[in-house]
Amino acid sequence: MKIKIAKLVEDTFRNCVAGGLISAANLPYMEVEVPGNPEHGDYASNVAMVLASQVKQNPRKIAEIIQANLVDPENIIAKTQIAGPGFLNFYLKESVWQNTLCVIEEQKEEYGCLDIGGAQKVQVEFVSANPTGPLHIGHARGAVVGDVIANLLKTAGYSVDREYYINDAGNQMNNLGKSVLFRYRELLGEKIEFPENCYQGDYIKHVAQDIIEKAGSKYLAQNEEETIRNFTAIAGEVILAEIKDDLRDFGVMFDYYFSEKELYKNDGVAKLLDSLQKQEFIYSDGETLWFKTTAFGDEKDRVVVRKNGEPTYFAADIAYHLNKYSRGYKMIIDIWGADHHGYMPRLWAGIQALGQEKESLKIILVQLVNLLRAGEPVAMSTRSGEFVTLREVLDEVGKDAARYNFLMRRSDSHLDFDLEVAKKQSNENPVFYVQYAYARICSILKMAEERDIALPTYKDIDPYLLQETDEIKLMKIMARYPETIYGAARTLEPHRIPFYLNELAGVFHSYYNKNKVISDNKELTAARLFMMSTIRIVLQNALKILGVGSPEKM
């Protein structure tokens, strides 16, 4: 509907320009939004204000011209109103909202699906945690943000692949092998002083114990360097398998797992750096190689090869993104922790040196999670290995509550996640509040079935019987569902879906508490039952995008 209003305004503008009523060359970007106050209409546009500077006229005068010449071929506008400095408010006919029920019935699970993506090939890379330890709640938030962005884009008509980049090369993996070796020796009776830069969680002991159970003490006699390589491979494989298990139970599945080692095959990274050096994007300063990231807006140039000849993470990331583009992706989305904020300009510089547009790489930053229990912070320490893992959260609150709560704020905002609230079977718990709305509707429809009241279709009802304030409000909210998907997909903001669901569930619960759906009035009962069935469809469609279940009983 928002797109329809925007089109209506654009067509009116063109007619006014053609008729000499407005002297503007083009229509600047304008906004069509739902006003915060329902008294200000169903939609409002700032078209007159964005035209004012170009037309050199008072915005209210421009609004009057547009209002007087409004193009409304579908006859959906009941009235318009000019407000404030020149906002143009639109009030839609009730038939528009009632017709929404028919559309939902016809489209069912397809309601809200769009084709704005045109099957464009998109890759979403997320989580990508080093396989050096279990996933913690920070990874969990990034996992659900990436997963739901992928779901949103698919719903909006894009062709989407999910990818996990396995950082299985470099010093952190070598430290993993060393950590296991130290625990292995310790478990076999040797007194060990554990280095601070090694991984100290209990999971390292479990890997070492498993090696002892399978191979005994044979590695004590082996060359240390060879043993570290073996232990790195064993531990990396075990930890990655556990990461995959945790993600699967969290409802997150990947299309591809890409190993960093692949980038170094056949000197791939070195050849790429050599090519970029020949193009003068890379220069030498003694034994160090630098990338001219300042040429693309970065605050300083960045090292790609250290003095010791080792390539940096940046070098590997350039090679990895070249690989992504070579696979035909037109848009690449990286989900990162907020601590990587300073890394963004150099990677944008890297892809531009590869000949790609900066806008083709979207980087979503995910802020930290503050874990609480009944309002009190839960202490975490990654140094000691005592951090709250995704598995622990899943075991305590379940997949649905975890996923929903991680999406309750913008991804770039800090999030307070209270474990006790997430477990409550009450309105305090947002996922319970929404799922309970769905279960309540299922119960109403079941009750109708038990009373031999057939579930009506749109042609069986008189939609004009739905005149209660909350009934009109419910229809308006359902009509906004496709534009909510549109906005969330365009902005890559998955939190918009829980916000929408909370609003829909809130109005439904208010309506349910004040009105009987099944009554002695057969015509009204039929109309209300039909509306219940459409609310159920919308709730289920939105929850599916979030990867959250739709329980029929609670």
Protein backbone atom coordinates (compact mmCIF):
# COMPACT_ATOMS: atom_id res chain seq x y z
CA MET A 1 0.00 0.00 0.00
CA LYS A 2 2.87 2.36 0.76
CA ILE A 3 4.19 1.77 -2.77
CA LYS A 4 0.71 2.47 -4.18
CA ILE A 5 0.52 5.81 -2.35
CA ALA A 6 4.02 6.75 -3.55
CA LYS A 7 3.04 5.87 -7.15
CA LEU A 8 -0.14 7.91 -6.82
CA VAL A 9 1.88 10.95 -5.67
CA GLU A 10 4.50 10.48 -8.42
CA ASP A 11 1.83 10.28 -11.14
CA THR A 12 0.12 13.39 -9.76
CA PHE A 13 3.45 15.23 -9.72
CA ARG A 14 4.12 14.37 -13.39
CA ASN A 15 0.65 15.56 -14.40
CA CYS A 16 1.15 18.82 -12.50
CA VAL A 17 4.53 19.39 -14.19
CA ALA A 18 3.04 18.59 -17.62
CA GLY A 19 0.18 21.01 -16.93
CA GLY A 20 2.52 23.80 -15.84
CA LEU A 21 1.22 23.76 -12.26
CA ILE A 22 4.58 22.79 -10.75
CA SER A 23 7.88 23.97 -12.28
CA ALA A 24 10.18 21.13 -11.20
CA ALA A 25 12.52 19.06 -13.35
CA ASN A 26 12.23 15.93 -11.25
CA LEU A 27 10.78 14.61 -8.04
CA PRO A 28 13.39 14.37 -5.25
CA TYR A 29 13.39 11.40 -2.89
CA MET A 30 10.26 11.56 -0.77
CA GLU A 31 8.95 9.50 2.11
CA VAL A 32 5.59 7.84 2.56
CA GLU A 33 5.13 6.73 6.15
CA VAL A 34 2.45 5.60 8.57
CA PRO A 35 1.83 8.56 10.93
CA GLY A 36 2.43 7.98 14.61
CA ASN A 37 -0.99 9.46 15.37
CA PRO A 38 -3.86 7.63 13.56
CA GLU A 39 -5.80 10.91 13.47
CA HIS A 40 -3.25 12.14 10.93
CA GLY A 41 -4.37 9.57 8.38
CA ASP A 42 -3.30 6.12 7.26
CA TYR A 43 -0.27 7.39 5.34
CA ALA A 44 1.55 10.71 5.10
CA SER A 45 3.95 12.10 2.50
CA ASN A 46 6.54 14.88 2.78
CA VAL A 47 6.46 15.41 -1.01
CA ALA A 48 5.60 19.12 -0.76
CA MET A 49 8.47 19.86 1.59
CA VAL A 50 11.12 18.07 -0.51
CA LEU A 51 9.88 19.98 -3.59
CA ALA A 52 9.80 23.38 -1.88
CA SER A 53 13.46 24.36 -2.41
CA GLN A 54 13.37 23.33 -6.09
CA VAL A 55 10.01 24.97 -6.87
CA LYS A 56 10.70 28.04 -4.70
CA GLN A 57 7.20 27.93 -3.25
CA ASN A 58 5.64 27.51 0.17
CA PRO A 59 5.29 23.74 0.80
CA ARG A 60 1.65 24.12 1.86
CA LYS A 61 0.89 25.73 -1.50
CA ILE A 62 2.58 22.80 -3.30
CA ALA A 63 0.58 20.36 -1.16
CA GLU A 64 -2.63 22.15 -2.17
CA ILE A 65 -1.75 21.78 -5.87
CA ILE A 66 -1.06 18.06 -5.48
CA GLN A 67 -4.18 17.57 -3.36
CA ALA A 68 -6.39 19.33 -5.96
CA ASN A 69 -5.02 17.26 -8.83
CA LEU A 70 -4.70 13.90 -7.12
CA VAL A 71 -4.59 10.87 -9.44
CA ASP A 72 -6.48 7.96 -7.83
CA PRO A 73 -7.33 5.40 -10.56
CA GLU A 74 -8.16 2.62 -8.06
CA ASN A 75 -10.43 4.91 -6.03
CA ILE A 76 -8.77 3.98 -2.73
CA ILE A 77 -8.56 7.45 -1.13
CA ALA A 78 -11.42 8.52 1.13
CA LYS A 79 -9.96 11.98 1.77
CA THR A 80 -6.70 13.93 2.03
CA GLN A 81 -5.58 16.57 4.48
CA ILE A 82 -2.72 19.07 4.59
CA ALA A 83 -1.08 19.27 8.00
CA GLY A 84 1.74 21.15 9.69
CA PRO A 85 4.36 22.69 7.38
CA GLY A 86 3.00 20.79 4.38
CA PHE A 87 2.54 17.10 5.11
CA LEU A 88 -0.03 15.50 2.84
CA ASN A 89 -2.10 13.00 4.82
CA PHE A 90 -4.06 10.22 3.13
CA TYR A 91 -7.13 8.52 4.59
CA LEU A 92 -8.00 5.27 2.80
CA LYS A 93 -11.46 3.81 2.29
CA GLU A 94 -12.51 0.98 4.62
CA SER A 95 -12.96 -1.26 1.58
CA VAL A 96 -9.17 -1.19 1.13
CA TRP A 97 -8.64 -2.82 4.52
CA GLN A 98 -11.47 -5.29 4.11
CA ASN A 99 -10.11 -6.34 0.72
CA THR A 100 -6.84 -7.18 2.46
CA LEU A 101 -8.61 -10.16 4.06
CA CYS A 102 -9.43 -11.50 0.62
CA VAL A 103 -5.84 -11.06 -0.54
CA ILE A 104 -4.50 -12.93 2.50
CA GLU A 105 -6.93 -15.80 1.92
CA GLU A 106 -5.87 -16.07 -1.74
CA GLN A 107 -2.13 -15.87 -1.12
CA LYS A 108 -1.90 -17.76 2.19
CA GLU A 109 1.78 -18.64 2.85
CA GLU A 110 2.76 -16.43 -0.11
CA TYR A 111 1.26 -13.33 1.53
CA GLY A 112 4.13 -10.91 2.09
CA CYS A 113 6.34 -12.49 -0.59
CA LEU A 114 7.75 -9.91 -3.00
CA ASP A 115 9.75 -9.82 -6.21
CA ILE A 116 11.93 -6.80 -5.58
CA GLY A 117 15.05 -8.98 -5.72
CA GLY A 118 14.44 -10.22 -9.26
CA ALA A 119 16.33 -13.45 -8.40
CA GLN A 120 19.55 -11.44 -7.96
CA LYS A 121 22.28 -13.66 -6.53
CA VAL A 122 23.18 -12.71 -2.94
CA GLN A 123 25.57 -14.25 -0.44
CA VAL A 124 25.17 -13.78 3.31
CA GLU A 125 28.28 -14.73 5.28
CA PHE A 126 27.82 -14.89 9.03
CA VAL A 127 29.00 -16.48 12.27
CA SER A 128 32.37 -17.52 10.74
CA ALA A 129 33.75 -18.06 14.25
CA ASN A 130 37.23 -19.52 14.55
CA PRO A 131 36.95 -23.28 15.19
CA THR A 132 38.93 -22.82 18.40
CA GLY A 133 36.05 -23.04 20.86
CA PRO A 134 32.27 -23.32 21.22
CA LEU A 135 29.94 -20.57 20.07
CA HIS A 136 29.04 -18.01 22.73
CA ILE A 137 26.03 -15.68 22.92
CA GLY A 138 27.77 -13.01 20.85
CA HIS A 139 28.07 -15.49 18.00
CA ALA A 140 24.45 -16.50 18.61
CA ARG A 141 23.14 -12.99 18.00
CA GLY A 142 25.12 -12.72 14.76
CA ALA A 143 23.85 -16.16 13.73
CA VAL A 144 20.17 -15.27 14.04
CA VAL A 145 20.64 -11.83 12.45
CA GLY A 146 22.36 -13.39 9.43
CA ASP A 147 19.87 -16.22 9.17
CA VAL A 148 16.83 -13.93 9.29
CA ILE A 149 18.36 -11.46 6.81
CA ALA A 150 18.78 -14.42 4.44
CA ASN A 151 15.14 -15.44 5.04
CA LEU A 152 13.97 -11.87 4.44
CA LEU A 153 15.86 -11.56 1.17
CA LYS A 154 14.49 -14.88 -0.06
CA THR A 155 10.98 -13.70 0.81
CA ALA A 156 11.69 -10.51 -1.14
CA GLY A 157 12.67 -12.43 -4.29
CA TYR A 158 16.46 -12.71 -4.08
CA SER A 159 18.44 -15.90 -4.70
CA VAL A 160 20.33 -16.30 -1.42
CA ASP A 161 23.20 -18.49 -0.24
CA ARG A 162 24.36 -18.73 3.38
CA GLU A 163 28.08 -19.22 3.97
CA TYR A 164 30.33 -19.88 6.96
CA TYR A 165 33.99 -18.90 6.54
CA ILE A 166 36.20 -21.29 8.49
CA ASN A 167 39.27 -19.47 9.83
CA ASP A 168 41.35 -22.64 9.86
CA ALA A 169 44.71 -21.13 8.90
CA GLY A 170 47.03 -18.94 10.92
CA ASN A 171 48.34 -18.55 14.42
CA GLN A 172 45.05 -19.03 16.30
CA MET A 173 44.82 -22.59 14.99
CA ASN A 174 48.42 -23.27 15.96
CA ASN A 175 47.58 -22.05 19.47
CA LEU A 176 44.65 -24.45 19.52
CA GLY A 177 46.97 -27.38 18.81
CA LYS A 178 49.40 -26.19 21.50
CA SER A 179 46.55 -25.84 24.02
CA VAL A 180 45.44 -29.42 23.44
CA LEU A 181 49.04 -30.64 23.71
CA PHE A 182 49.50 -28.91 27.08
CA ARG A 183 46.27 -30.45 28.42
CA TYR A 184 47.24 -33.82 26.94
CA ARG A 185 50.56 -33.76 28.83
CA GLU A 186 48.84 -32.54 32.00
CA LEU A 187 46.26 -35.33 31.90
CA LEU A 188 49.07 -37.82 31.48
CA GLY A 189 50.67 -36.64 34.73
CA GLU A 190 53.06 -33.91 33.65
CA LYS A 191 53.07 -30.69 35.68
CA ILE A 192 52.16 -27.90 33.27
CA GLU A 193 52.23 -24.12 33.61
CA PHE A 194 49.54 -23.13 31.11
CA PRO A 195 50.48 -20.12 28.91
CA GLU A 196 48.04 -17.18 28.96
CA ASN A 197 47.76 -17.07 25.16
CA CYS A 198 46.42 -20.62 25.01
CA TYR A 199 42.76 -21.65 25.14
CA GLN A 200 41.77 -22.64 28.65
CA GLY A 201 38.17 -23.81 28.50
CA ASP A 202 37.07 -27.25 29.62
CA TYR A 203 36.40 -28.18 25.99
CA ILE A 204 40.20 -28.35 25.45
CA LYS A 205 40.45 -30.95 28.24
CA HIS A 206 37.66 -32.95 26.62
CA VAL A 207 39.51 -33.03 23.29
CA ALA A 208 42.75 -34.03 25.01
CA GLN A 209 40.97 -36.75 27.01
CA ASP A 210 39.41 -38.13 23.86
CA ILE A 211 42.84 -38.32 22.21
CA ILE A 212 44.17 -40.23 25.24
CA GLU A 213 41.26 -42.67 25.11
CA LYS A 214 41.91 -43.36 21.44
CA ALA A 215 45.71 -43.15 21.21
CA GLY A 216 47.06 -43.32 24.75
CA SER A 217 50.41 -41.64 25.36
CA LYS A 218 51.96 -42.28 21.93
CA TYR A 219 52.14 -38.56 21.10
CA LEU A 220 54.56 -37.92 23.99
CA ALA A 221 57.29 -39.55 21.93
CA GLN A 222 56.39 -37.75 18.70
CA ASN A 223 58.05 -34.61 17.32
CA GLU A 224 56.34 -31.63 19.01
CA GLU A 225 55.80 -29.65 15.81
CA GLU A 226 54.18 -32.66 14.14
CA THR A 227 52.07 -33.35 17.24
CA ILE A 228 50.79 -29.76 17.29
CA ARG A 229 49.77 -30.10 13.64
CA ASN A 230 47.94 -33.35 14.42
CA PHE A 231 46.24 -31.92 17.50
CA THR A 232 45.24 -28.78 15.58
CA ALA A 233 43.54 -30.90 12.91
CA ILE A 234 41.84 -33.17 15.47
CA ALA A 235 40.62 -30.31 17.69
CA GLY A 236 39.52 -28.17 14.74
CA GLU A 237 37.43 -31.00 13.34
CA VAL A 238 35.83 -31.80 16.71
CA ILE A 239 35.04 -28.17 17.53
CA LEU A 240 33.65 -27.42 14.06
CA ALA A 241 31.38 -30.47 14.29
CA GLU A 242 30.07 -29.20 17.64
CA ILE A 243 29.57 -25.71 16.20
CA LYS A 244 27.53 -27.20 13.35
CA ASP A 245 25.43 -29.19 15.85
CA ASP A 246 24.76 -26.10 17.96
CA LEU A 247 23.79 -24.04 14.92
CA ARG A 248 21.49 -26.77 13.61
CA ASP A 249 19.68 -26.91 16.96
CA PHE A 250 19.47 -23.10 16.80
CA GLY A 251 17.71 -23.42 13.45
CA VAL A 252 20.69 -22.15 11.42
CA MET A 253 21.86 -24.12 8.40
CA PHE A 254 24.50 -23.09 5.86
CA ASP A 255 24.65 -23.78 2.15
CA TYR A 256 28.45 -23.65 2.15
CA TYR A 257 31.34 -23.94 4.58
CA PHE A 258 34.40 -22.25 3.05
CA SER A 259 37.86 -23.12 4.37
CA GLU A 260 40.45 -20.34 4.57
CA LYS A 261 43.03 -22.92 3.47
CA GLU A 262 41.40 -22.93 0.01
CA LEU A 263 42.64 -19.38 -0.54
CA TYR A 264 46.27 -20.41 -0.19
CA LYS A 265 46.13 -23.34 -2.60
CA ASN A 266 48.36 -22.83 -5.65
CA ASP A 267 49.71 -19.62 -4.06
CA GLY A 268 46.32 -17.97 -4.60
CA VAL A 269 46.82 -15.14 -2.07
CA ALA A 270 50.40 -14.42 -3.21
CA LYS A 271 49.34 -14.27 -6.87
CA LEU A 272 46.50 -11.88 -6.07
CA LEU A 273 48.82 -9.58 -4.10
CA ASP A 274 51.32 -9.65 -6.93
CA SER A 275 48.58 -8.65 -9.39
CA LEU A 276 47.44 -5.78 -7.14
CA GLN A 277 51.06 -4.64 -6.74
CA LYS A 278 51.45 -4.48 -10.52
CA GLN A 279 48.29 -2.33 -10.61
CA GLU A 280 49.98 -0.08 -7.99
CA PHE A 281 47.35 -0.72 -5.31
CA ILE A 282 50.11 -2.32 -3.19
CA TYR A 283 53.56 -0.88 -2.52
CA SER A 284 56.66 -2.06 -0.65
CA ASP A 285 58.21 -0.32 2.33
CA GLY A 286 61.32 -2.34 2.99
CA GLU A 287 60.17 -5.87 3.75
CA THR A 288 56.53 -4.91 4.40
CA LEU A 289 53.80 -4.73 1.76
CA TRP A 290 51.15 -2.02 2.15
CA PHE A 291 47.76 -1.62 0.50
CA LYS A 292 46.86 1.94 -0.57
CA THR A 293 43.53 1.94 1.23
CA THR A 294 43.77 5.74 1.66
CA ALA A 295 43.09 5.99 -2.09
CA PHE A 296 39.58 4.72 -1.28
CA GLY A 297 38.88 6.83 1.81
CA ASP A 298 40.56 4.86 4.62
CA GLU A 299 42.40 6.90 7.27
CA LYS A 300 45.74 5.15 6.64
CA ASP A 301 47.25 2.47 4.42
CA ARG A 302 47.13 -1.13 5.69
CA VAL A 303 49.69 -3.93 5.86
CA VAL A 304 48.98 -6.98 3.69
CA VAL A 305 52.31 -8.80 4.18
CA ARG A 306 54.34 -8.47 7.39
CA LYS A 307 58.12 -8.21 7.60
CA ASN A 308 58.32 -11.93 8.35
CA GLY A 309 56.62 -12.67 5.03
CA GLU A 310 53.30 -13.71 6.60
CA PRO A 311 50.15 -12.32 4.96
CA THR A 312 47.72 -10.49 7.23
CA TYR A 313 44.02 -11.26 7.72
CA PHE A 314 43.34 -8.37 5.37
CA ALA A 315 45.23 -10.09 2.55
CA ALA A 316 43.19 -13.26 3.02
CA ASP A 317 39.96 -11.27 3.17
CA ILE A 318 40.67 -9.58 -0.16
CA ALA A 319 41.27 -13.00 -1.70
CA TYR A 320 38.12 -14.40 -0.08
CA HIS A 321 35.93 -11.60 -1.40
CA LEU A 322 37.45 -11.97 -4.88
CA ASN A 323 36.38 -15.62 -4.64
CA LYS A 324 32.86 -14.53 -3.68
CA TYR A 325 32.52 -12.20 -6.66
CA SER A 326 33.96 -14.84 -8.98
CA ARG A 327 31.04 -17.08 -7.99
CA GLY A 328 28.60 -14.57 -9.47
CA TYR A 329 27.23 -12.85 -6.36
CA LYS A 330 25.90 -9.38 -7.14
CA MET A 331 25.43 -8.43 -3.49
CA ILE A 332 27.57 -9.65 -0.61
CA ILE A 333 26.49 -9.25 3.01
CA ASP A 334 28.98 -9.74 5.84
CA ILE A 335 27.73 -9.97 9.44
CA TRP A 336 30.46 -8.83 11.86
CA GLY A 337 30.87 -8.13 15.54
CA ALA A 338 30.78 -4.42 16.41
CA ASP A 339 34.47 -4.52 17.40
CA HIS A 340 35.32 -4.82 13.69
CA HIS A 341 33.97 -1.34 12.93
CA GLY A 342 37.41 0.02 12.05
CA TYR A 343 37.97 -2.83 9.60
CA MET A 344 35.15 -1.79 7.27
CA PRO A 345 36.94 0.96 5.25
CA ARG A 346 39.90 -1.27 4.36
CA LEU A 347 37.69 -4.09 3.08
CA TRP A 348 35.62 -1.65 1.02
CA ALA A 349 38.95 -0.39 -0.36
CA GLY A 350 39.94 -3.96 -1.16
CA ILE A 351 36.84 -4.76 -3.18
CA GLN A 352 37.03 -1.47 -5.07
CA ALA A 353 40.59 -2.31 -6.09
CA LEU A 354 39.14 -5.56 -7.43
CA GLY A 355 36.85 -3.49 -9.65
CA GLN A 356 33.68 -3.89 -7.59
CA GLU A 357 31.28 -1.18 -6.43
CA LYS A 358 31.51 -0.29 -2.74
CA GLU A 359 27.72 -0.58 -2.47
CA SER A 360 27.85 -4.24 -3.53
CA LEU A 361 29.33 -5.15 -0.12
CA LYS A 362 26.97 -4.59 2.81
CA ILE A 363 28.51 -4.92 6.27
CA ILE A 364 26.14 -5.40 9.21
CA LEU A 365 27.61 -4.80 12.66
CA VAL A 366 26.17 -6.76 15.58
CA GLN A 367 26.59 -5.29 19.04
CA LEU A 368 27.31 -7.15 22.25
CA VAL A 369 24.74 -9.03 24.31
CA ASN A 370 24.44 -8.26 28.00
CA LEU A 371 23.28 -11.50 29.58
CA LEU A 372 21.10 -11.06 32.66
CA ARG A 373 19.38 -13.32 35.14
CA ALA A 374 16.40 -11.68 36.81
CA GLY A 375 17.91 -8.29 36.02
CA GLU A 376 21.39 -9.09 37.36
CA PRO A 377 24.40 -9.38 35.00
CA VAL A 378 25.80 -12.85 34.35
CA ALA A 379 29.59 -12.74 34.63
CA MET A 380 31.57 -13.91 31.61
CA SER A 381 35.30 -14.20 30.98
CA THR A 382 36.72 -15.40 27.68
CA ARG A 383 40.25 -15.41 29.10
CA SER A 384 39.43 -18.11 31.65
CA GLY A 385 37.16 -19.91 29.22
CA GLU A 386 34.19 -19.30 31.51
CA PHE A 387 31.72 -17.79 29.04
CA VAL A 388 28.09 -18.55 28.38
CA THR A 389 27.79 -20.68 25.28
CA LEU A 390 25.01 -20.83 22.74
CA ARG A 391 24.39 -24.42 23.84
CA GLU A 392 23.82 -23.34 27.45
CA VAL A 393 21.31 -20.68 26.37
CA LEU A 394 19.51 -23.15 24.09
CA ASP A 395 19.30 -25.73 26.86
CA GLU A 396 17.89 -23.18 29.29
CA VAL A 397 15.42 -21.10 27.23
CA GLY A 398 14.96 -23.03 23.97
CA LYS A 399 15.41 -22.11 20.29
CA ASP A 400 12.31 -19.95 19.83
CA ALA A 401 12.85 -17.71 22.85
CA ALA A 402 16.56 -17.34 22.08
CA ARG A 403 16.02 -16.42 18.43
CA TYR A 404 13.17 -13.98 19.12
CA ASN A 405 14.96 -12.21 21.97
CA PHE A 406 18.16 -11.76 19.95
CA LEU A 407 16.09 -9.91 17.33
CA MET A 408 14.30 -7.53 19.69
CA ARG A 409 16.69 -4.63 19.06
CA ARG A 410 18.52 -3.21 16.07
CA SER A 411 21.62 -5.31 15.46
CA ASP A 412 23.89 -2.27 16.03
CA SER A 413 22.35 -1.63 19.48
CA HIS A 414 23.37 -3.31 22.70
CA LEU A 415 20.94 -5.99 23.78
CA ASP A 416 19.93 -7.03 27.29
CA PHE A 417 18.91 -10.69 27.29
CA ASP A 418 17.31 -11.79 30.56
CA LEU A 419 17.26 -15.58 30.81
CA GLU A 420 14.48 -15.59 33.40
CA VAL A 421 12.21 -13.37 31.29
CA ALA A 422 12.87 -15.54 28.22
CA LYS A 423 11.54 -18.58 30.12
CA LYS A 424 8.37 -16.95 31.45
CA GLN A 425 4.97 -18.08 30.20
CA SER A 426 3.60 -14.55 30.49
CA ASN A 427 3.14 -11.33 28.54
CA GLU A 428 6.54 -10.16 29.79
CA ASN A 429 8.11 -12.63 27.39
CA PRO A 430 7.71 -11.24 23.84
CA VAL A 431 7.92 -14.59 22.05
CA PHE A 432 5.31 -16.10 24.37
CA TYR A 433 3.08 -13.05 23.77
CA VAL A 434 3.18 -13.58 20.00
CA GLN A 435 3.01 -17.38 20.00
CA TYR A 436 0.11 -17.24 22.46
CA ALA A 437 -1.80 -15.05 19.98
CA TYR A 438 -1.33 -17.76 17.36
CA ALA A 439 -2.34 -20.53 19.79
CA ARG A 440 -5.42 -18.56 20.91
CA ILE A 441 -6.60 -18.23 17.31
CA CYS A 442 -6.07 -21.96 16.76
CA SER A 443 -8.18 -22.59 19.87
CA ILE A 444 -10.97 -20.31 18.58
CA LEU A 445 -11.03 -22.06 15.21
CA LYS A 446 -10.98 -25.46 16.93
CA MET A 447 -13.93 -24.42 19.10
CA ALA A 448 -15.86 -23.41 15.97
CA GLU A 449 -15.13 -26.79 14.41
CA GLU A 450 -16.36 -28.59 17.53
CA ARG A 451 -19.61 -26.59 17.30
CA ASP A 452 -19.99 -27.61 13.65
CA ILE A 453 -19.38 -24.07 12.45
CA ALA A 454 -17.56 -24.33 9.13
CA LEU A 455 -14.63 -21.99 8.59
CA PRO A 456 -16.01 -19.44 6.10
CA THR A 457 -14.32 -18.11 2.99
CA TYR A 458 -14.26 -14.44 1.99
CA LYS A 459 -17.23 -14.87 -0.35
CA ASP A 460 -19.24 -16.30 2.58
CA ILE A 461 -18.93 -13.21 4.78
CA ASP A 462 -20.00 -9.60 4.90
CA PRO A 463 -16.71 -7.78 5.66
CA TYR A 464 -18.58 -4.54 6.43
CA LEU A 465 -19.72 -6.15 9.69
CA LEU A 466 -16.13 -5.75 10.92
CA GLN A 467 -16.59 -2.21 12.26
CA GLU A 468 -15.08 -2.37 15.76
CA THR A 469 -12.11 -0.04 16.27
CA ASP A 470 -9.76 -2.95 16.91
CA GLU A 471 -11.13 -4.83 13.90
CA ILE A 472 -10.26 -1.94 11.60
CA LYS A 473 -6.90 -1.64 13.34
CA LEU A 474 -6.16 -5.35 12.88
CA MET A 475 -6.96 -5.16 9.17
CA LYS A 476 -4.73 -2.11 8.75
CA ILE A 477 -1.84 -3.84 10.51
CA MET A 478 -2.24 -6.95 8.33
CA ALA A 479 -2.33 -4.77 5.21
CA ARG A 480 1.04 -3.32 6.28
CA TYR A 481 2.73 -6.73 6.46
CA PRO A 482 4.08 -6.76 2.85
CA GLU A 483 5.49 -3.24 3.26
CA THR A 484 7.10 -4.31 6.54
CA ILE A 485 8.86 -7.11 4.64
CA TYR A 486 9.79 -4.62 1.91
CA GLY A 487 11.30 -2.18 4.39
CA ALA A 488 13.12 -4.85 6.41
CA ALA A 489 14.62 -6.42 3.26
CA ARG A 490 15.66 -3.07 1.76
CA THR A 491 17.35 -1.88 4.95
CA LEU A 492 18.58 -5.31 6.12
CA GLU A 493 16.87 -4.70 9.48
CA PRO A 494 15.37 -7.96 10.75
CA HIS A 495 14.26 -6.39 14.05
CA ARG A 496 11.36 -4.80 12.16
CA ILE A 497 9.60 -8.17 12.05
CA PRO A 498 9.41 -8.71 15.85
CA PHE A 499 8.28 -5.08 16.23
CA TYR A 500 5.51 -5.77 13.73
CA LEU A 501 4.52 -9.03 15.40
CA ASN A 502 4.41 -7.42 18.84
CA GLU A 503 2.02 -4.78 17.51
CA LEU A 504 -0.23 -7.29 15.75
CA ALA A 505 -0.32 -9.61 18.77
CA GLY A 506 -1.00 -6.69 21.12
CA VAL A 507 -4.03 -5.47 19.16
CA PHE A 508 -5.29 -9.04 18.78
CA HIS A 509 -5.11 -9.76 22.53
CA SER A 510 -6.88 -6.46 23.26
CA TYR A 511 -9.61 -7.33 20.77
CA TYR A 512 -9.99 -10.88 22.09
CA ASN A 513 -10.38 -9.64 25.68
CA LYS A 514 -13.21 -7.27 24.67
CA ASN A 515 -15.11 -9.19 22.00
CA LYS A 516 -16.65 -12.60 21.43
CA VAL A 517 -15.63 -14.16 18.14
CA ILE A 518 -18.27 -16.91 18.30
CA SER A 519 -21.73 -15.60 19.21
CA ASP A 520 -25.42 -16.12 18.42
CA ASN A 521 -25.07 -13.71 15.49
CA LYS A 522 -24.14 -16.10 12.66
CA GLU A 523 -23.14 -13.41 10.14
CA LEU A 524 -20.90 -11.59 12.63
CA THR A 525 -19.45 -14.91 13.81
CA ALA A 526 -18.58 -15.84 10.23
CA ALA A 527 -16.89 -12.49 9.57
CA ARG A 528 -14.88 -12.64 12.78
CA LEU A 529 -13.84 -16.26 12.28
CA PHE A 530 -12.62 -15.40 8.82
CA MET A 531 -10.61 -12.47 10.18
CA MET A 532 -9.10 -14.80 12.80
CA SER A 533 -7.98 -17.18 10.05
CA THR A 534 -6.21 -14.33 8.21
CA ILE A 535 -4.45 -13.14 11.38
CA ARG A 536 -3.24 -16.70 11.89
CA ILE A 537 -1.77 -16.74 8.36
CA VAL A 538 0.09 -13.47 8.89
CA LEU A 539 1.45 -14.54 12.29
CA GLN A 540 2.67 -17.85 10.88
CA ASN A 541 4.29 -16.25 7.82
CA ALA A 542 6.19 -13.71 9.93
CA LEU A 543 7.26 -16.26 12.56
CA LYS A 544 8.55 -18.51 9.79
CA ILE A 545 10.86 -15.71 8.57
CA LEU A 546 12.20 -15.42 12.12
CA GLY A 547 12.75 -19.19 12.29
CA VAL A 548 10.37 -19.32 15.26
CA GLY A 549 7.67 -21.97 15.68
CA SER A 550 3.89 -21.49 15.57
CA PRO A 551 2.53 -23.74 18.34
CA GLU A 552 -1.20 -24.54 18.19
CA LYS A 553 -1.35 -25.19 21.94
CA MET A 554 0.48 -23.50 24.82
